[in-house]
PDB file of N, CA and C in Angstrom:
ATOM      1  N   SER A   1       0.921  -1.423  -0.073  1.00  0.00           N
ATOM      2  CA  SER A   1      -0.021   0.204   0.054  1.00  0.00           C
ATOM      3  C   SER A   1       0.854   1.211  -0.125  1.00  0.00           C
ATOM      4  N   LEU A   2       2.100   1.315   0.689  1.00  0.00           N
ATOM      5  CA  LEU A   2       2.975   2.038   0.752  1.00  0.00           C
ATOM      6  C   LEU A   2       3.522   2.700  -1.083  1.00  0.00           C
ATOM      7  N   ALA A   3       3.813   1.429  -1.994  1.00  0.00           N
ATOM      8  CA  ALA A   3       4.214   1.998  -2.939  1.00  0.00           C
ATOM      9  C   ALA A   3       3.283   2.616  -3.802  1.00  0.00           C
ATOM     10  N   GLY A   4       1.690   2.141  -3.380  1.00  0.00           N
ATOM     11  CA  GLY A   4       0.781   2.788  -4.236  1.00  0.00           C
ATOM     12  C   GLY A   4       0.555   4.341  -3.734  1.00  0.00           C
ATOM     13  N   ALA A   5       0.812   4.288  -2.450  1.00  0.00           N
ATOM     14  CA  ALA A   5       0.606   5.934  -2.029  1.00  0.00           C
ATOM     15  C   ALA A   5       1.615   6.939  -2.935  1.00  0.00           C
ATOM     16  N   ALA A   6       2.799   6.124  -2.826  1.00  0.00           N
ATOM     17  CA  ALA A   6       4.033   6.828  -3.678  1.00  0.00           C
ATOM     18  C   ALA A   6       3.877   7.186  -5.307  1.00  0.00           C
ATOM     19  N   ASN A   7       2.940   6.329  -5.878  1.00  0.00           N
ATOM     20  CA  ASN A   7       2.448   6.276  -6.943  1.00  0.00           C
ATOM     21  C   ASN A   7       1.602   7.158  -7.223  1.00  0.00           C
ATOM     22  N   MET A   8       0.857   7.368  -6.398  1.00  0.00           N
ATOM     23  CA  MET A   8      -0.375   8.464  -6.438  1.00  0.00           C
ATOM     24  C   MET A   8       0.236  10.189  -6.320  1.00  0.00           C
ATOM     25  N   VAL A   9       1.205   9.949  -5.279  1.00  0.00           N
ATOM     26  CA  VAL A   9       1.922  11.362  -5.499  1.00  0.00           C
ATOM     27  C   VAL A   9       2.816  11.660  -6.555  1.00  0.00           C
ATOM     28  N   MET A  10       3.592  10.791  -7.290  1.00  0.00           N
ATOM     29  CA  MET A  10       4.098  11.013  -8.565  1.00  0.00           C
ATOM     30  C   MET A  10       3.013  11.381  -9.612  1.00  0.00           C
ATOM     31  N   ALA A  11       1.872  10.631  -9.605  1.00  0.00           N
ATOM     32  CA  ALA A  11       0.677  11.211 -10.753  1.00  0.00           C
ATOM     33  C   ALA A  11      -0.127  12.325 -10.364  1.00  0.00           C
ATOM     34  N   LYS A  12       0.238  12.627  -8.860  1.00  0.00           N
ATOM     35  CA  LYS A  12      -0.329  13.851  -8.813  1.00  0.00           C
ATOM     36  C   LYS A  12       0.601  15.149  -9.238  1.00  0.00           C
ATOM     37  N   LEU A  13       1.855  14.780  -9.031  1.00  0.00           N
ATOM     38  CA  LEU A  13       3.103  15.695  -9.649  1.00  0.00           C
ATOM     39  C   LEU A  13       2.616  15.969 -11.236  1.00  0.00           C
ATOM     40  N   VAL A  14       2.661  14.939 -11.868  1.00  0.00           N
ATOM     41  CA  VAL A  14       2.206  14.883 -13.251  1.00  0.00           C
ATOM     42  C   VAL A  14       1.376  15.921 -13.467  1.00  0.00           C
ATOM     43  N   GLU A  15       0.201  15.525 -12.914  1.00  0.00           N
ATOM     44  CA  GLU A  15      -1.060  16.086 -13.181  1.00  0.00           C
ATOM     45  C   GLU A  15      -0.916  17.561 -12.909  1.00  0.00           C
ATOM     46  N   VAL A  16      -0.081  17.933 -11.859  1.00  0.00           N
ATOM     47  CA  VAL A  16       0.002  19.725 -11.473  1.00  0.00           C
ATOM     48  C   VAL A  16       1.142  20.188 -12.530  1.00  0.00           C
ATOM     49  N   THR A  17       1.991  19.316 -13.084  1.00  0.00           N
ATOM     50  CA  THR A  17       2.894  20.028 -14.217  1.00  0.00           C
ATOM     51  C   THR A  17       2.403  19.929 -15.613  1.00  0.00           C
ATOM     52  N   ALA A  18       1.280  19.431 -15.569  1.00  0.00           N
ATOM     53  CA  ALA A  18       0.543  19.429 -16.740  1.00  0.00           C
ATOM     54  C   ALA A  18      -0.057  20.541 -17.036  1.00  0.00           C
ATOM     55  N   ALA A  19      -0.667  21.020 -15.839  1.00  0.00           N
ATOM     56  CA  ALA A  19      -1.500  22.204 -15.725  1.00  0.00           C
ATOM     57  C   ALA A  19      -0.442  23.267 -15.974  1.00  0.00           C
ATOM     58  N   ALA A  20       0.835  23.282 -14.958  1.00  0.00           N
ATOM     59  CA  ALA A  20       1.591  24.473 -15.197  1.00  0.00           C
ATOM     60  C   ALA A  20       2.150  24.479 -16.573  1.00  0.00           C
ATOM     61  N   ILE A  21       2.453  23.614 -17.215  1.00  0.00           N
ATOM     62  CA  ILE A  21       2.961  23.501 -18.719  1.00  0.00           C
ATOM     63  C   ILE A  21       1.739  24.432 -19.528  1.00  0.00           C
ATOM     64  N   ALA A  22       0.437  24.117 -19.434  1.00  0.00           N
ATOM     65  CA  ALA A  22      -0.517  24.327 -20.256  1.00  0.00           C
ATOM     66  C   ALA A  22      -0.445  25.881 -19.714  1.00  0.00           C
ATOM     67  N   ALA A  23      -0.380  26.357 -18.916  1.00  0.00           N
ATOM     68  CA  ALA A  23      -0.817  27.676 -18.298  1.00  0.00           C
ATOM     69  C   ALA A  23       0.667  28.449 -18.151  1.00  0.00           C
ATOM     70  N   ALA A  24       1.726  28.186 -18.613  1.00  0.00           N
ATOM     71  CA  ALA A  24       3.173  28.617 -18.459  1.00  0.00           C
ATOM     72  C   ALA A  24       3.411  29.142 -17.089  1.00  0.00           C
ATOM     73  N   ASP A  25       3.039  28.677 -16.193  1.00  0.00           N
ATOM     74  CA  ASP A  25       2.890  28.849 -14.970  1.00  0.00           C
ATOM     75  C   ASP A  25       4.649  28.483 -14.251  1.00  0.00           C
ATOM     76  N   TRP A  26       4.943  27.250 -15.385  1.00  0.00           N
ATOM     77  CA  TRP A  26       6.479  26.906 -14.635  1.00  0.00           C
ATOM     78  C   TRP A  26       7.546  28.140 -15.054  1.00  0.00           C
ATOM     79  N   ASN A  27       7.209  28.989 -15.505  1.00  0.00           N
ATOM     80  CA  ASN A  27       8.405  30.513 -16.081  1.00  0.00           C
ATOM     81  C   ASN A  27       8.318  31.270 -14.809  1.00  0.00           C
ATOM     82  N   GLU A  28       8.599  30.931 -13.922  1.00  0.00           N
ATOM     83  CA  GLU A  28       8.860  31.455 -12.692  1.00  0.00           C
ATOM     84  C   GLU A  28      10.168  31.663 -11.992  1.00  0.00           C
ATOM     85  N   ALA A  29      10.695  32.650 -11.514  1.00  0.00           N
ATOM     86  CA  ALA A  29      11.963  33.007 -10.794  1.00  0.00           C
ATOM     87  C   ALA A  29      12.877  32.568 -11.558  1.00  0.00           C
ATOM     88  N   GLY A  30      12.779  32.756 -12.994  1.00  0.00           N
ATOM     89  CA  GLY A  30      13.722  32.996 -13.930  1.00  0.00           C
ATOM     90  C   GLY A  30      13.856  31.383 -14.453  1.00  0.00           C
ATOM     91  N   MET A  31      13.106  30.117 -14.109  1.00  0.00           N
ATOM     92  CA  MET A  31      13.243  28.698 -14.821  1.00  0.00           C
ATOM     93  C   MET A  31      13.010  28.550 -16.196  1.00  0.00           C
ATOM     94  N   LYS A  32      14.275  28.207 -16.743  1.00  0.00           N
ATOM     95  CA  LYS A  32      14.396  27.896 -18.086  1.00  0.00           C
ATOM     96  C   LYS A  32      13.449  26.492 -18.821  1.00  0.00           C
ATOM     97  N   THR A  33      13.132  25.736 -18.126  1.00  0.00           N
ATOM     98  CA  THR A  33      12.604  24.747 -18.364  1.00  0.00           C
ATOM     99  C   THR A  33      11.408  24.565 -17.397  1.00  0.00           C
ATOM    100  N   PRO A  34      10.431  23.551 -17.916  1.00  0.00           N
ATOM    101  CA  PRO A  34       9.449  23.177 -16.847  1.00  0.00           C
ATOM    102  C   PRO A  34      10.305  21.922 -15.881  1.00  0.00           C
ATOM    103  N   ALA A  35      11.107  21.022 -16.490  1.00  0.00           N
ATOM    104  CA  ALA A  35      11.297  20.105 -15.454  1.00  0.00           C
ATOM    105  C   ALA A  35      12.617  20.986 -14.622  1.00  0.00           C
ATOM    106  N   ALA A  36      12.982  21.930 -14.805  1.00  0.00           N
ATOM    107  CA  ALA A  36      13.791  22.954 -13.629  1.00  0.00           C
ATOM    108  C   ALA A  36      12.838  23.318 -12.763  1.00  0.00           C
ATOM    109  N   TRP A  37      11.904  23.954 -12.871  1.00  0.00           N
ATOM    110  CA  TRP A  37      10.839  24.358 -12.226  1.00  0.00           C
ATOM    111  C   TRP A  37      10.206  23.107 -11.473  1.00  0.00           C
ATOM    112  N   LEU A  38       9.842  21.961 -11.690  1.00  0.00           N
ATOM    113  CA  LEU A  38       9.411  21.330 -11.109  1.00  0.00           C
ATOM    114  C   LEU A  38      10.859  20.508 -10.118  1.00  0.00           C
ATOM    115  N   ALA A  39      11.816  20.748 -10.259  1.00  0.00           N
ATOM    116  CA  ALA A  39      13.013  20.152  -9.802  1.00  0.00           C
ATOM    117  C   ALA A  39      12.887  21.193  -8.257  1.00  0.00           C
ATOM    118  N   TRP A  40      12.672  22.253  -8.539  1.00  0.00           N
ATOM    119  CA  TRP A  40      13.296  23.296  -7.693  1.00  0.00           C
ATOM    120  C   TRP A  40      11.881  23.185  -6.838  1.00  0.00           C
ATOM    121  N   ARG A  41      10.527  23.305  -7.092  1.00  0.00           N
ATOM    122  CA  ARG A  41       9.413  22.962  -6.516  1.00  0.00           C
ATOM    123  C   ARG A  41       9.211  22.063  -5.488  1.00  0.00           C
ATOM    124  N   SER A  42       9.427  21.110  -6.084  1.00  0.00           N
ATOM    125  CA  SER A  42       9.326  19.708  -5.527  1.00  0.00           C
ATOM    126  C   SER A  42      10.393  19.105  -4.942  1.00  0.00           C
ATOM    127  N   GLY A  43      11.602  19.225  -5.169  1.00  0.00           N
ATOM    128  CA  GLY A  43      12.455  18.647  -4.656  1.00  0.00           C
ATOM    129  C   GLY A  43      12.932  17.617  -5.141  1.00  0.00           C
ATOM    130  N   VAL A  44      12.348  17.058  -6.210  1.00  0.00           N
ATOM    131  CA  VAL A  44      12.902  15.698  -6.684  1.00  0.00           C
ATOM    132  C   VAL A  44      14.221  16.235  -7.792  1.00  0.00           C
ATOM    133  N   SER A  45      14.578  15.077  -7.929  1.00  0.00           N
ATOM    134  CA  SER A  45      16.193  14.960  -8.659  1.00  0.00           C
ATOM    135  C   SER A  45      15.649  15.795 -10.211  1.00  0.00           C
ATOM    136  N   PRO A  46      16.806  16.206 -10.905  1.00  0.00           N
ATOM    137  CA  PRO A  46      16.390  16.909 -12.235  1.00  0.00           C
ATOM    138  C   PRO A  46      16.189  15.639 -13.140  1.00  0.00           C
ATOM    139  N   GLU A  47      16.601  14.378 -12.676  1.00  0.00           N
ATOM    140  CA  GLU A  47      16.260  13.396 -13.748  1.00  0.00           C
ATOM    141  C   GLU A  47      14.825  12.982 -13.690  1.00  0.00           C
ATOM    142  N   ARG A  48      14.650  13.160 -12.476  1.00  0.00           N
ATOM    143  CA  ARG A  48      13.108  12.618 -12.195  1.00  0.00           C
ATOM    144  C   ARG A  48      12.157  13.587 -12.367  1.00  0.00           C
ATOM    145  N   ALA A  49      12.544  15.050 -12.574  1.00  0.00           N
ATOM    146  CA  ALA A  49      11.700  16.055 -12.963  1.00  0.00           C
ATOM    147  C   ALA A  49      11.450  15.807 -14.574  1.00  0.00           C
ATOM    148  N   VAL A  50      12.759  15.873 -15.269  1.00  0.00           N
ATOM    149  CA  VAL A  50      12.105  15.636 -16.850  1.00  0.00           C
ATOM    150  C   VAL A  50      11.369  14.237 -16.649  1.00  0.00           C
ATOM    151  N   GLN A  51      11.552  13.089 -16.086  1.00  0.00           N
ATOM    152  CA  GLN A  51      10.672  12.011 -16.601  1.00  0.00           C
ATOM    153  C   GLN A  51       9.379  12.577 -16.458  1.00  0.00           C
ATOM    154  N   LEU A  52       8.887  13.311 -15.435  1.00  0.00           N
ATOM    155  CA  LEU A  52       7.695  13.737 -14.981  1.00  0.00           C
ATOM    156  C   LEU A  52       6.953  14.620 -15.888  1.00  0.00           C
ATOM    157  N   VAL A  53       8.210  15.614 -16.258  1.00  0.00           N
ATOM    158  CA  VAL A  53       7.673  16.574 -17.272  1.00  0.00           C
ATOM    159  C   VAL A  53       7.361  15.637 -18.549  1.00  0.00           C
ATOM    160  N   ASN A  54       7.926  14.961 -18.875  1.00  0.00           N
ATOM    161  CA  ASN A  54       7.759  13.852 -20.090  1.00  0.00           C
ATOM    162  C   ASN A  54       6.434  13.262 -20.119  1.00  0.00           C
ATOM    163  N   LEU A  55       5.969  12.582 -18.807  1.00  0.00           N
ATOM    164  CA  LEU A  55       4.490  12.065 -18.715  1.00  0.00           C
ATOM    165  C   LEU A  55       3.565  13.398 -18.589  1.00  0.00           C
ATOM    166  N   ALA A  56       3.720  14.070 -18.118  1.00  0.00           N
ATOM    167  CA  ALA A  56       2.802  15.417 -18.090  1.00  0.00           C
ATOM    168  C   ALA A  56       2.622  15.849 -19.835  1.00  0.00           C
ATOM    169  N   LYS A  57       3.367  15.541 -20.593  1.00  0.00           N
ATOM    170  CA  LYS A  57       3.232  16.167 -22.001  1.00  0.00           C
ATOM    171  C   LYS A  57       2.371  15.189 -22.763  1.00  0.00           C
ATOM    172  N   VAL A  58       2.253  13.989 -22.359  1.00  0.00           N
ATOM    173  CA  VAL A  58       1.608  13.002 -22.907  1.00  0.00           C
ATOM    174  C   VAL A  58       0.219  12.636 -22.220  1.00  0.00           C
ATOM    175  N   ARG A  59       0.192  13.083 -21.091  1.00  0.00           N
ATOM    176  CA  ARG A  59      -0.901  12.674 -20.304  1.00  0.00           C
ATOM    177  C   ARG A  59      -2.754  12.758 -20.670  1.00  0.00           C
ATOM    178  N   ASP A  60      -2.606  13.580 -21.728  1.00  0.00           N
ATOM    179  CA  ASP A  60      -4.149  13.446 -22.389  1.00  0.00           C
ATOM    180  C   ASP A  60      -4.212  12.595 -23.814  1.00  0.00           C
ATOM    181  N   ARG A  61      -3.029  11.948 -23.828  1.00  0.00           N
ATOM    182  CA  ARG A  61      -3.152  11.113 -24.806  1.00  0.00           C
ATOM    183  C   ARG A  61      -3.363   9.532 -24.819  1.00  0.00           C
ATOM    184  N   TYR A  62      -3.237   9.404 -23.196  1.00  0.00           N
ATOM    185  CA  TYR A  62      -3.318   8.084 -22.783  1.00  0.00           C
ATOM    186  C   TYR A  62      -3.989   7.921 -21.269  1.00  0.00           C
ATOM    187  N   PRO A  63      -5.340   8.200 -21.503  1.00  0.00           N
ATOM    188  CA  PRO A  63      -6.228   8.449 -20.818  1.00  0.00           C
ATOM    189  C   PRO A  63      -6.422   6.959 -19.607  1.00  0.00           C
ATOM    190  N   VAL A  64      -6.270   5.922 -20.252  1.00  0.00           N
ATOM    191  CA  VAL A  64      -6.654   4.740 -19.319  1.00  0.00           C
ATOM    192  C   VAL A  64      -5.429   4.232 -18.805  1.00  0.00           C
ATOM    193  N   LEU A  65      -3.915   4.466 -19.464  1.00  0.00           N
ATOM    194  CA  LEU A  65      -2.926   4.311 -18.648  1.00  0.00           C
ATOM    195  C   LEU A  65      -2.941   5.684 -17.470  1.00  0.00           C
ATOM    196  N   PHE A  66      -3.328   6.569 -17.750  1.00  0.00           N
ATOM    197  CA  PHE A  66      -2.861   7.817 -16.456  1.00  0.00           C
ATOM    198  C   PHE A  66      -4.096   7.409 -15.162  1.00  0.00           C
ATOM    199  N   ASP A  67      -5.217   6.923 -16.060  1.00  0.00           N
ATOM    200  CA  ASP A  67      -6.022   6.333 -14.793  1.00  0.00           C
ATOM    201  C   ASP A  67      -5.309   5.308 -13.999  1.00  0.00           C
ATOM    202  N   ALA A  68      -5.079   4.532 -14.439  1.00  0.00           N
ATOM    203  CA  ALA A  68      -4.372   3.536 -13.278  1.00  0.00           C
ATOM    204  C   ALA A  68      -3.328   4.440 -12.513  1.00  0.00           C
ATOM    205  N   PHE A  69      -2.328   5.100 -13.008  1.00  0.00           N
ATOM    206  CA  PHE A  69      -1.301   5.755 -12.833  1.00  0.00           C
ATOM    207  C   PHE A  69      -1.873   6.657 -11.151  1.00  0.00           C
ATOM    208  N   ASP A  70      -2.946   7.211 -11.818  1.00  0.00           N
ATOM    209  CA  ASP A  70      -3.650   8.323 -10.872  1.00  0.00           C
ATOM    210  C   ASP A  70      -4.127   7.186  -9.286  1.00  0.00           C
ATOM    211  N   ARG A  71      -4.543   6.111  -9.627  1.00  0.00           N
ATOM    212  CA  ARG A  71      -4.948   5.322  -8.468  1.00  0.00           C
ATOM    213  C   ARG A  71      -4.064   4.447  -8.156  1.00  0.00           C
ATOM    214  N   GLY A  72      -2.665   4.411  -8.579  1.00  0.00           N
ATOM    215  CA  GLY A  72      -1.390   4.053  -8.013  1.00  0.00           C
ATOM    216  C   GLY A  72      -1.386   2.616  -8.257  1.00  0.00           C
ATOM    217  N   GLU A  73      -1.848   2.210  -9.154  1.00  0.00           N
ATOM    218  CA  GLU A  73      -1.562   1.207  -9.499  1.00  0.00           C
ATOM    219  C   GLU A  73      -0.178   0.967 -10.646  1.00  0.00           C
ATOM    220  N   VAL A  74       0.265   1.622 -11.106  1.00  0.00           N
ATOM    221  CA  VAL A  74       1.626   1.777 -11.703  1.00  0.00           C
ATOM    222  C   VAL A  74       2.586   3.188 -11.306  1.00  0.00           C
ATOM    223  N   SER A  75       3.650   2.691 -11.467  1.00  0.00           N
ATOM    224  CA  SER A  75       4.687   3.725 -11.041  1.00  0.00           C
ATOM    225  C   SER A  75       5.001   4.830 -12.355  1.00  0.00           C
ATOM    226  N   ALA A  76       5.609   5.757 -11.769  1.00  0.00           N
ATOM    227  CA  ALA A  76       6.042   6.659 -13.172  1.00  0.00           C
ATOM    228  C   ALA A  76       6.909   5.958 -13.986  1.00  0.00           C
ATOM    229  N   ASP A  77       8.208   4.889 -13.182  1.00  0.00           N
ATOM    230  CA  ASP A  77       8.688   4.232 -14.039  1.00  0.00           C
ATOM    231  C   ASP A  77       8.402   3.219 -14.794  1.00  0.00           C
ATOM    232  N   GLN A  78       7.141   2.540 -14.495  1.00  0.00           N
ATOM    233  CA  GLN A  78       6.505   1.888 -15.477  1.00  0.00           C
ATOM    234  C   GLN A  78       5.383   2.949 -16.685  1.00  0.00           C
ATOM    235  N   MET A  79       5.090   3.976 -16.418  1.00  0.00           N
ATOM    236  CA  MET A  79       4.584   4.583 -17.047  1.00  0.00           C
ATOM    237  C   MET A  79       5.475   5.226 -17.852  1.00  0.00           C
ATOM    238  N   THR A  80       6.678   5.458 -17.841  1.00  0.00           N
ATOM    239  CA  THR A  80       7.525   5.950 -18.677  1.00  0.00           C
ATOM    240  C   THR A  80       8.019   4.678 -19.995  1.00  0.00           C
TER     241      THR A  80
END
């Protein structure tokens, strides 16, 4: 159940990141990329931030997969 909870947190970060990309909210404090913004705001590694941004960019294309991700059934690594 802990892994599922962690998966749900990552899914929420992807959701928030997708919204920030759509609204261009990531461009604060001189951030040059959405990944840099996500790493700064969330404390994830730059590599993980790139992974999550890549997922955010395709979130709308794979609704069934992202529903499973949102429920914590799959991890960010599996989604990638």
